[in-house]
Amino acid sequence: MTHDSRPFWLPSLLLALGIILGGWLAGRGIAQVRAADRYVTVKGVSERPIRADLAIWPLNISVADNDLARAQAQVASNVKQVRIFLARHGIDTMQASLQDFQVTDANANQYRPAGGVVSRYVVKQTVMVRSDRPDTVLAASQRLNELAEAGVVFSSGGEYAATGPSFIFTKLNDFKPAMIAEATSRAREAAEQFARDSKSRIGGIRRANQGVFEILPRDQASGIREESQVEKTLRVVATVDYLLE
């Protein structure tokens, strides 16, 4: 029979020390997690004034008549008038194509008025202008009354909701690198200012979101569409989470 010479209180002491040490380590771990959660979310904005480099202009011709052949002939005449108008205002007529020819027979409409219709046939034709000279197209669109005086009637609806031109910016990739760098730099400046105010230091990046590039109208007011303006604003917002030390 062996005799254990260790004091009877030693196992209890070791157990108590283990509990204390485990608690200290656990507490330290929680403190580290909380420290890692100390971060600030900042945004950096970069903007550039830009100009549209492409104009899309649908001219939706509409003619109503009881005689289909006469209506079609009038549409052909109106298309000719439109091409003359475009050439007179400096737009290359080779950049104008015919699209969306439609013929509607009012008698085929089951919901036609009981008293009949004024004109049985409605013939529509779109002259689509695609030009890399937006300023020229804009100037011509302001003289559209000349075609109305020549008897050309336009309609809205269908794929294109209006007769006015849309101005498009196609060179976004030329601006992306510099604007992303600028937005990120401004986000860091905001984070550093926050750190100074809170007596902290900026650490690494916890998370970053470049954001989406937006093309906005230069004149941002109710009812103004970006597509209707040649002058625009390109904008991107970078959102970055910085750890605080």
C-alpha atoms as a PDB file:
ATOM      1  CA  MET A   1       0.000   0.000   0.000  1.00  0.00           C
ATOM      2  CA  THR A   2       1.449   3.304  -1.160  1.00  0.00           C
ATOM      3  CA  HIS A   3       1.184   6.489   0.754  1.00  0.00           C
ATOM      4  CA  ASP A   4       0.512   9.790  -1.123  1.00  0.00           C
ATOM      5  CA  SER A   5       2.698  12.429   0.461  1.00  0.00           C
ATOM      6  CA  ARG A   6       1.077  15.354  -1.404  1.00  0.00           C
ATOM      7  CA  PRO A   7      -0.893  17.717   0.812  1.00  0.00           C
ATOM      8  CA  PHE A   8      -4.639  17.081   0.648  1.00  0.00           C
ATOM      9  CA  TRP A   9      -5.249  20.710  -0.404  1.00  0.00           C
ATOM     10  CA  LEU A  10      -2.996  20.660  -3.514  1.00  0.00           C
ATOM     11  CA  PRO A  11      -5.612  19.329  -6.016  1.00  0.00           C
ATOM     12  CA  SER A  12      -8.089  21.961  -4.882  1.00  0.00           C
ATOM     13  CA  LEU A  13      -5.465  24.666  -5.310  1.00  0.00           C
ATOM     14  CA  LEU A  14      -4.606  23.480  -8.814  1.00  0.00           C
ATOM     15  CA  LEU A  15      -8.281  23.381  -9.742  1.00  0.00           C
ATOM     16  CA  ALA A  16      -8.794  26.905  -8.451  1.00  0.00           C
ATOM     17  CA  LEU A  17      -5.766  28.184 -10.350  1.00  0.00           C
ATOM     18  CA  GLY A  18      -7.064  26.513 -13.517  1.00  0.00           C
ATOM     19  CA  ILE A  19     -10.416  28.213 -13.168  1.00  0.00           C
ATOM     20  CA  ILE A  20      -8.772  31.589 -12.586  1.00  0.00           C
ATOM     21  CA  LEU A  21      -6.428  31.182 -15.554  1.00  0.00           C
ATOM     22  CA  GLY A  22      -9.255  30.014 -17.810  1.00  0.00           C
ATOM     23  CA  GLY A  23     -11.362  32.970 -16.822  1.00  0.00           C
ATOM     24  CA  TRP A  24      -8.498  35.365 -17.470  1.00  0.00           C
ATOM     25  CA  LEU A  25      -7.883  33.927 -20.924  1.00  0.00           C
ATOM     26  CA  ALA A  26     -11.570  33.953 -21.752  1.00  0.00           C
ATOM     27  CA  GLY A  27     -11.874  37.544 -20.627  1.00  0.00           C
ATOM     28  CA  ARG A  28      -8.853  38.509 -22.706  1.00  0.00           C
ATOM     29  CA  GLY A  29     -10.398  36.860 -25.723  1.00  0.00           C
ATOM     30  CA  ILE A  30     -13.613  38.837 -25.326  1.00  0.00           C
ATOM     31  CA  ALA A  31     -11.618  42.034 -24.979  1.00  0.00           C
ATOM     32  CA  GLN A  32      -9.771  41.258 -28.200  1.00  0.00           C
ATOM     33  CA  VAL A  33     -13.015  40.586 -30.062  1.00  0.00           C
ATOM     34  CA  ARG A  34     -14.467  43.843 -28.861  1.00  0.00           C
ATOM     35  CA  ALA A  35     -11.319  45.699 -29.833  1.00  0.00           C
ATOM     36  CA  ALA A  36     -11.545  44.161 -33.304  1.00  0.00           C
ATOM     37  CA  ASP A  37     -15.125  45.436 -33.543  1.00  0.00           C
ATOM     38  CA  ARG A  38     -14.016  49.025 -33.014  1.00  0.00           C
ATOM     39  CA  TYR A  39     -14.273  50.566 -36.456  1.00  0.00           C
ATOM     40  CA  VAL A  40     -15.609  53.601 -38.226  1.00  0.00           C
ATOM     41  CA  THR A  41     -17.614  53.665 -41.458  1.00  0.00           C
ATOM     42  CA  VAL A  42     -16.774  56.553 -43.759  1.00  0.00           C
ATOM     43  CA  LYS A  43     -17.770  57.616 -47.247  1.00  0.00           C
ATOM     44  CA  GLY A  44     -15.698  59.317 -49.914  1.00  0.00           C
ATOM     45  CA  VAL A  45     -17.249  61.053 -52.896  1.00  0.00           C
ATOM     46  CA  SER A  46     -15.734  61.818 -56.276  1.00  0.00           C
ATOM     47  CA  GLU A  47     -17.529  63.848 -58.958  1.00  0.00           C
ATOM     48  CA  ARG A  48     -16.680  65.009 -62.454  1.00  0.00           C
ATOM     49  CA  PRO A  49     -18.522  67.264 -64.904  1.00  0.00           C
ATOM     50  CA  ILE A  50     -18.993  65.360 -68.157  1.00  0.00           C
ATOM     51  CA  ARG A  51     -20.590  65.854 -71.561  1.00  0.00           C
ATOM     52  CA  ALA A  52     -22.649  63.394 -73.554  1.00  0.00           C
ATOM     53  CA  ASP A  53     -20.864  62.049 -76.616  1.00  0.00           C
ATOM     54  CA  LEU A  54     -23.819  60.303 -78.280  1.00  0.00           C
ATOM     55  CA  ALA A  55     -27.329  61.445 -79.187  1.00  0.00           C
ATOM     56  CA  ILE A  56     -30.279  59.156 -79.897  1.00  0.00           C
ATOM     57  CA  TRP A  57     -33.279  60.919 -81.413  1.00  0.00           C
ATOM     58  CA  PRO A  58     -36.446  59.031 -82.388  1.00  0.00           C
ATOM     59  CA  LEU A  59     -38.740  61.028 -84.666  1.00  0.00           C
ATOM     60  CA  ASN A  60     -42.079  59.190 -84.562  1.00  0.00           C
ATOM     61  CA  ILE A  61     -44.114  60.094 -87.646  1.00  0.00           C
ATOM     62  CA  SER A  62     -47.860  59.392 -87.587  1.00  0.00           C
ATOM     63  CA  VAL A  63     -50.408  59.712 -90.405  1.00  0.00           C
ATOM     64  CA  ALA A  64     -54.147  58.939 -90.241  1.00  0.00           C
ATOM     65  CA  ASP A  65     -56.321  58.436 -93.342  1.00  0.00           C
ATOM     66  CA  ASN A  66     -59.225  56.339 -94.581  1.00  0.00           C
ATOM     67  CA  ASP A  67     -57.172  55.292 -97.601  1.00  0.00           C
ATOM     68  CA  LEU A  68     -54.211  53.075 -96.725  1.00  0.00           C
ATOM     69  CA  ALA A  69     -52.232  53.794 -99.887  1.00  0.00           C
ATOM     70  CA  ARG A  70     -52.640  57.541 -99.374  1.00  0.00           C
ATOM     71  CA  ALA A  71     -51.542  57.243 -95.735  1.00  0.00           C
ATOM     72  CA  GLN A  72     -48.439  55.309 -96.737  1.00  0.00           C
ATOM     73  CA  ALA A  73     -47.601  57.870 -99.405  1.00  0.00           C
ATOM     74  CA  GLN A  74     -47.936  60.661 -96.837  1.00  0.00           C
ATOM     75  CA  VAL A  75     -45.598  58.839 -94.456  1.00  0.00           C
ATOM     76  CA  ALA A  76     -43.012  58.492 -97.247  1.00  0.00           C
ATOM     77  CA  SER A  77     -43.340  62.216 -97.970  1.00  0.00           C
ATOM     78  CA  ASN A  78     -42.902  63.043 -94.281  1.00  0.00           C
ATOM     79  CA  VAL A  79     -39.805  60.885 -94.041  1.00  0.00           C
ATOM     80  CA  LYS A  80     -38.359  62.850 -96.952  1.00  0.00           C
ATOM     81  CA  GLN A  81     -39.183  66.118 -95.189  1.00  0.00           C
ATOM     82  CA  VAL A  82     -37.442  64.870 -92.030  1.00  0.00           C
ATOM     83  CA  ARG A  83     -34.273  63.992 -93.954  1.00  0.00           C
ATOM     84  CA  ILE A  84     -34.244  67.434 -95.569  1.00  0.00           C
ATOM     85  CA  PHE A  85     -34.671  69.008 -92.139  1.00  0.00           C
ATOM     86  CA  LEU A  86     -31.809  66.995 -90.653  1.00  0.00           C
ATOM     87  CA  ALA A  87     -29.441  67.890 -93.479  1.00  0.00           C
ATOM     88  CA  ARG A  88     -30.370  71.563 -93.179  1.00  0.00           C
ATOM     89  CA  HIS A  89     -29.361  71.531 -89.526  1.00  0.00           C
ATOM     90  CA  GLY A  90     -26.027  69.788 -90.027  1.00  0.00           C
ATOM     91  CA  ILE A  91     -26.984  66.196 -89.182  1.00  0.00           C
ATOM     92  CA  ASP A  92     -25.662  63.470 -91.450  1.00  0.00           C
ATOM     93  CA  THR A  93     -28.733  61.754 -92.933  1.00  0.00           C
ATOM     94  CA  MET A  94     -26.703  58.556 -93.214  1.00  0.00           C
ATOM     95  CA  GLN A  95     -27.014  58.398 -89.433  1.00  0.00           C
ATOM     96  CA  ALA A  96     -30.813  58.301 -89.698  1.00  0.00           C
ATOM     97  CA  SER A  97     -32.468  54.913 -90.158  1.00  0.00           C
ATOM     98  CA  LEU A  98     -36.098  53.840 -90.521  1.00  0.00           C
ATOM     99  CA  GLN A  99     -37.559  51.707 -87.737  1.00  0.00           C
ATOM    100  CA  ASP A 100     -40.858  50.432 -86.344  1.00  0.00           C
ATOM    101  CA  PHE A 101     -43.198  50.702 -89.316  1.00  0.00           C
ATOM    102  CA  GLN A 102     -46.769  50.096 -88.078  1.00  0.00           C
ATOM    103  CA  VAL A 103     -50.225  50.081 -89.626  1.00  0.00           C
ATOM    104  CA  THR A 104     -53.327  50.098 -87.430  1.00  0.00           C
ATOM    105  CA  ASP A 105     -56.813  49.403 -88.816  1.00  0.00           C
ATOM    106  CA  ALA A 106     -59.389  51.009 -86.546  1.00  0.00           C
ATOM    107  CA  ASN A 107     -62.104  48.708 -87.904  1.00  0.00           C
ATOM    108  CA  ALA A 108     -60.183  45.746 -86.532  1.00  0.00           C
ATOM    109  CA  ASN A 109     -60.452  47.151 -83.010  1.00  0.00           C
ATOM    110  CA  GLN A 110     -63.333  45.507 -81.152  1.00  0.00           C
ATOM    111  CA  TYR A 111     -63.472  48.516 -78.818  1.00  0.00           C
ATOM    112  CA  ARG A 112     -63.946  51.094 -81.584  1.00  0.00           C
ATOM    113  CA  PRO A 113     -66.571  53.833 -80.993  1.00  0.00           C
ATOM    114  CA  ALA A 114     -70.148  52.871 -81.854  1.00  0.00           C
ATOM    115  CA  GLY A 115     -70.472  55.843 -84.172  1.00  0.00           C
ATOM    116  CA  GLY A 116     -67.447  54.823 -86.257  1.00  0.00           C
ATOM    117  CA  VAL A 117     -64.017  56.422 -86.548  1.00  0.00           C
ATOM    118  CA  VAL A 118     -62.825  59.539 -88.319  1.00  0.00           C
ATOM    119  CA  SER A 119     -59.832  57.832 -89.965  1.00  0.00           C
ATOM    120  CA  ARG A 120     -59.682  54.089 -90.468  1.00  0.00           C
ATOM    121  CA  TYR A 121     -55.916  53.671 -90.868  1.00  0.00           C
ATOM    122  CA  VAL A 122     -53.077  55.007 -88.756  1.00  0.00           C
ATOM    123  CA  VAL A 123     -49.601  54.530 -90.222  1.00  0.00           C
ATOM    124  CA  LYS A 124     -46.521  55.142 -88.083  1.00  0.00           C
ATOM    125  CA  GLN A 125     -42.842  55.243 -88.955  1.00  0.00           C
ATOM    126  CA  THR A 126     -39.862  56.114 -86.757  1.00  0.00           C
ATOM    127  CA  VAL A 127     -36.838  57.929 -88.145  1.00  0.00           C
ATOM    128  CA  MET A 128     -34.056  57.062 -85.704  1.00  0.00           C
ATOM    129  CA  VAL A 129     -31.148  59.498 -85.581  1.00  0.00           C
ATOM    130  CA  ARG A 130     -27.917  58.289 -83.979  1.00  0.00           C
ATOM    131  CA  SER A 131     -25.251  60.977 -83.912  1.00  0.00           C
ATOM    132  CA  ASP A 132     -21.893  61.583 -82.246  1.00  0.00           C
ATOM    133  CA  ARG A 133     -22.628  65.318 -82.341  1.00  0.00           C
ATOM    134  CA  PRO A 134     -24.989  65.899 -79.403  1.00  0.00           C
ATOM    135  CA  ASP A 135     -24.804  69.694 -79.584  1.00  0.00           C
ATOM    136  CA  THR A 136     -25.908  69.657 -83.210  1.00  0.00           C
ATOM    137  CA  VAL A 137     -28.804  67.345 -82.422  1.00  0.00           C
ATOM    138  CA  LEU A 138     -29.829  69.512 -79.463  1.00  0.00           C
ATOM    139  CA  ALA A 139     -29.896  72.620 -81.662  1.00  0.00           C
ATOM    140  CA  ALA A 140     -31.955  70.843 -84.328  1.00  0.00           C
ATOM    141  CA  SER A 141     -34.456  69.540 -81.771  1.00  0.00           C
ATOM    142  CA  GLN A 142     -35.201  73.127 -80.782  1.00  0.00           C
ATOM    143  CA  ARG A 143     -36.316  73.847 -84.364  1.00  0.00           C
ATOM    144  CA  LEU A 144     -38.776  70.975 -84.633  1.00  0.00           C
ATOM    145  CA  ASN A 145     -41.590  73.447 -85.296  1.00  0.00           C
ATOM    146  CA  GLU A 146     -40.248  73.740 -88.849  1.00  0.00           C
ATOM    147  CA  LEU A 147     -41.420  70.194 -89.534  1.00  0.00           C
ATOM    148  CA  ALA A 148     -44.791  70.876 -87.935  1.00  0.00           C
ATOM    149  CA  GLU A 149     -45.198  73.852 -90.274  1.00  0.00           C
ATOM    150  CA  ALA A 150     -44.424  71.509 -93.184  1.00  0.00           C
ATOM    151  CA  GLY A 151     -47.321  69.256 -92.094  1.00  0.00           C
ATOM    152  CA  VAL A 152     -45.299  66.518 -90.372  1.00  0.00           C
ATOM    153  CA  VAL A 153     -47.161  65.098 -87.390  1.00  0.00           C
ATOM    154  CA  PHE A 154     -45.319  63.281 -84.585  1.00  0.00           C
ATOM    155  CA  SER A 155     -46.647  60.928 -81.958  1.00  0.00           C
ATOM    156  CA  SER A 156     -45.357  59.596 -78.653  1.00  0.00           C
ATOM    157  CA  GLY A 157     -45.664  56.107 -77.248  1.00  0.00           C
ATOM    158  CA  GLY A 158     -44.408  52.695 -78.197  1.00  0.00           C
ATOM    159  CA  GLU A 159     -40.808  51.875 -77.388  1.00  0.00           C
ATOM    160  CA  TYR A 160     -39.838  55.553 -77.295  1.00  0.00           C
ATOM    161  CA  ALA A 161     -42.021  57.656 -75.012  1.00  0.00           C
ATOM    162  CA  ALA A 162     -41.167  61.031 -76.525  1.00  0.00           C
ATOM    163  CA  THR A 163     -39.861  62.701 -79.665  1.00  0.00           C
ATOM    164  CA  GLY A 164     -37.041  64.531 -77.895  1.00  0.00           C
ATOM    165  CA  PRO A 165     -33.429  63.329 -78.129  1.00  0.00           C
ATOM    166  CA  SER A 166     -31.612  61.377 -75.429  1.00  0.00           C
ATOM    167  CA  PHE A 167     -27.987  62.264 -74.710  1.00  0.00           C
ATOM    168  CA  ILE A 168     -25.713  59.432 -73.629  1.00  0.00           C
ATOM    169  CA  PHE A 169     -22.248  59.324 -72.075  1.00  0.00           C
ATOM    170  CA  THR A 170     -20.263  56.288 -73.241  1.00  0.00           C
ATOM    171  CA  LYS A 171     -16.745  56.927 -71.863  1.00  0.00           C
ATOM    172  CA  LEU A 172     -17.204  55.844 -68.255  1.00  0.00           C
ATOM    173  CA  ASN A 173     -14.159  53.544 -68.285  1.00  0.00           C
ATOM    174  CA  ASP A 174     -11.895  56.532 -69.007  1.00  0.00           C
ATOM    175  CA  PHE A 175     -12.829  58.036 -65.615  1.00  0.00           C
ATOM    176  CA  LYS A 176     -13.146  54.987 -63.371  1.00  0.00           C
ATOM    177  CA  PRO A 177      -9.566  54.489 -62.061  1.00  0.00           C
ATOM    178  CA  ALA A 178      -8.912  58.109 -61.082  1.00  0.00           C
ATOM    179  CA  MET A 179     -12.343  58.610 -59.537  1.00  0.00           C
ATOM    180  CA  ILE A 180     -12.183  55.413 -57.477  1.00  0.00           C
ATOM    181  CA  ALA A 181      -8.760  56.456 -56.170  1.00  0.00           C
ATOM    182  CA  GLU A 182     -10.054  59.920 -55.301  1.00  0.00           C
ATOM    183  CA  ALA A 183     -13.162  58.606 -53.526  1.00  0.00           C
ATOM    184  CA  THR A 184     -11.075  56.123 -51.519  1.00  0.00           C
ATOM    185  CA  SER A 185      -8.590  58.844 -50.563  1.00  0.00           C
ATOM    186  CA  ARG A 186     -11.375  61.112 -49.331  1.00  0.00           C
ATOM    187  CA  ALA A 187     -12.856  58.269 -47.308  1.00  0.00           C
ATOM    188  CA  ARG A 188      -9.501  57.772 -45.581  1.00  0.00           C
ATOM    189  CA  GLU A 189      -9.241  61.502 -44.871  1.00  0.00           C
ATOM    190  CA  ALA A 190     -12.627  61.359 -43.162  1.00  0.00           C
ATOM    191  CA  ALA A 191     -11.557  58.304 -41.141  1.00  0.00           C
ATOM    192  CA  GLU A 192      -8.336  59.993 -40.032  1.00  0.00           C
ATOM    193  CA  GLN A 193     -10.256  63.062 -38.909  1.00  0.00           C
ATOM    194  CA  PHE A 194     -12.615  60.879 -36.899  1.00  0.00           C
ATOM    195  CA  ALA A 195      -9.669  59.046 -35.340  1.00  0.00           C
ATOM    196  CA  ARG A 196      -8.053  62.328 -34.278  1.00  0.00           C
ATOM    197  CA  ASP A 197     -11.296  63.519 -32.731  1.00  0.00           C
ATOM    198  CA  SER A 198     -11.768  60.256 -30.823  1.00  0.00           C
ATOM    199  CA  LYS A 199      -8.112  59.966 -29.713  1.00  0.00           C
ATOM    200  CA  SER A 200      -7.662  56.799 -31.782  1.00  0.00           C
ATOM    201  CA  ARG A 201      -5.541  55.626 -34.668  1.00  0.00           C
ATOM    202  CA  ILE A 202      -6.594  54.225 -38.025  1.00  0.00           C
ATOM    203  CA  GLY A 203      -5.834  50.545 -38.500  1.00  0.00           C
ATOM    204  CA  GLY A 204      -6.463  48.280 -41.449  1.00  0.00           C
ATOM    205  CA  ILE A 205      -9.536  48.135 -43.678  1.00  0.00           C
ATOM    206  CA  ARG A 206     -12.302  45.951 -42.273  1.00  0.00           C
ATOM    207  CA  ARG A 207     -14.523  46.166 -45.332  1.00  0.00           C
ATOM    208  CA  ALA A 208     -14.737  48.291 -48.481  1.00  0.00           C
ATOM    209  CA  ASN A 209     -17.454  48.939 -51.014  1.00  0.00           C
ATOM    210  CA  GLN A 210     -16.576  50.841 -54.164  1.00  0.00           C
ATOM    211  CA  GLY A 211     -20.182  51.779 -54.839  1.00  0.00           C
ATOM    212  CA  VAL A 212     -21.921  52.308 -58.162  1.00  0.00           C
ATOM    213  CA  PHE A 213     -21.109  55.020 -60.668  1.00  0.00           C
ATOM    214  CA  GLU A 214     -24.045  57.352 -61.256  1.00  0.00           C
ATOM    215  CA  ILE A 215     -24.619  59.679 -64.178  1.00  0.00           C
ATOM    216  CA  LEU A 216     -26.730  62.558 -62.925  1.00  0.00           C
ATOM    217  CA  PRO A 217     -28.216  65.603 -64.642  1.00  0.00           C
ATOM    218  CA  ARG A 218     -26.101  68.699 -64.236  1.00  0.00           C
ATOM    219  CA  ASP A 219     -29.185  70.639 -63.155  1.00  0.00           C
ATOM    220  CA  GLN A 220     -30.783  68.411 -60.543  1.00  0.00           C
ATOM    221  CA  ALA A 221     -34.356  69.571 -60.199  1.00  0.00           C
ATOM    222  CA  SER A 222     -37.714  67.851 -60.091  1.00  0.00           C
ATOM    223  CA  GLY A 223     -38.800  66.516 -63.480  1.00  0.00           C
ATOM    224  CA  ILE A 224     -35.417  66.913 -65.187  1.00  0.00           C
ATOM    225  CA  ARG A 225     -34.150  63.692 -66.754  1.00  0.00           C
ATOM    226  CA  GLU A 226     -30.452  62.993 -67.024  1.00  0.00           C
ATOM    227  CA  GLU A 227     -30.968  61.792 -70.618  1.00  0.00           C
ATOM    228  CA  SER A 228     -32.332  65.175 -71.666  1.00  0.00           C
ATOM    229  CA  GLN A 229     -29.133  67.077 -70.776  1.00  0.00           C
ATOM    230  CA  VAL A 230     -25.887  67.183 -72.710  1.00  0.00           C
ATOM    231  CA  GLU A 231     -24.057  68.417 -69.600  1.00  0.00           C
ATOM    232  CA  LYS A 232     -24.013  65.838 -66.803  1.00  0.00           C
ATOM    233  CA  THR A 233     -22.313  64.936 -63.521  1.00  0.00           C
ATOM    234  CA  LEU A 234     -20.488  61.633 -62.983  1.00  0.00           C
ATOM    235  CA  ARG A 235     -20.463  60.515 -59.351  1.00  0.00           C
ATOM    236  CA  VAL A 236     -19.167  57.596 -57.303  1.00  0.00           C
ATOM    237  CA  VAL A 237     -19.258  56.983 -53.552  1.00  0.00           C
ATOM    238  CA  ALA A 238     -16.747  54.676 -51.825  1.00  0.00           C
ATOM    239  CA  THR A 239     -17.797  53.257 -48.442  1.00  0.00           C
ATOM    240  CA  VAL A 240     -14.964  51.944 -46.251  1.00  0.00           C
ATOM    241  CA  ASP A 241     -14.853  50.484 -42.735  1.00  0.00           C
ATOM    242  CA  TYR A 242     -11.553  51.285 -40.971  1.00  0.00           C
ATOM    243  CA  LEU A 243     -10.489  49.547 -37.784  1.00  0.00           C
ATOM    244  CA  LEU A 244      -9.654  51.821 -34.869  1.00  0.00           C
ATOM    245  CA  GLU A 245      -6.664  51.196 -32.617  1.00  0.00           C
END
